[in-house]
Amino acid sequence: MQILLTIFFFLIGTALASFLNALMYRIDKEYKYPEIYTKPSYCEKCGKQLKWYDLIPILSYIFTKGKCSKCGYKITIYYPLSELILGISLSLFSLYHTQWYMYLILLTLFSLTYFDVLYKAIPKIPTLLFGVLGLIYLTILSIITKELVLNATVSGVLLLFGMCILLLVMYGFKNFKLKDGFEGFGGGDFVILLTLSMFLSTQQFWTMFWVSIFLATLFLLPNLILKKMHMKSSLPLLPFFTLGYIVVVIYGENIFEYVRGILMI
């Protein structure tokens, strides 16, 4: 039975990823209601309407070899990769009996990641709304427990303050913009990290952060060595925060205990 549930959540995850990717694309293209939900999908280049089998998560990309069957327009690998990641994530979340609100956080991060990967920018309003949800969550917890609940918010504030100091030293005051943030680390990343600190415990938050940095480093180093990227290249960080969040929700306790054992704390 557990195997069937795991497969079910995997399929739901891939379908949700496909739907959210299409929805984010249509939001970016300023589709109007009800077209944003009802208009058929089509090739961005030649306008060919996609058939139902062109929309099957992951498999359609494999069968078409990542290209439009009519004009040969190359489809970004982000789509099948994101479908696979969300499918695996939801199946593991179900396997480890993850709390319901953590699914919502994952879907929010996933949706915002679309913009960070493809456009190197995180939309301001949804990001701020995510922050508001974090504040509401802390408020509700504080009311229920009848004491002030901050989770890892203090750690989040201290981390961001430390980053501000570090980036000011590295880039100087002239490169600091309230609107756009620092080069390589935007205001959206700050808000996302601070919001995650509201939902996670201090242990979870720091584990998530360092796992994210580790994964980003693993991605960056080979690209620097192969000269596909350079030190001034723009690296979207939200995908790594999302992966770090997934890892900490599933394996966070094990990672923390392992590190504590090594350090003999």
Foldseek 3Di string as FASTA:
>chain_A
DLVVLLQVLLQVQLLLLLLLLLLLVCVVVVDDPPCSPPPADADPPPGHGDDPLCSRALVNCVVCVQADPPPRHGHDPCSNVSSNVRSNLRSLCVVVVPDPVLNVLLSLLSSQVSCCVPPVDGDDPSLVVLLVVLVVVQVVVCVVVVHRDQFQLVVLVVVVVVVVVVQCVVPNPVQADPQFGHQQAGPSNSSSLNSVSSVHHNLLSVQLVVQLVVVQCVVPVVCCVVVVDHPNDHDRSSVSSSVSSSCCSNCVVVVSVVVCVVVVD
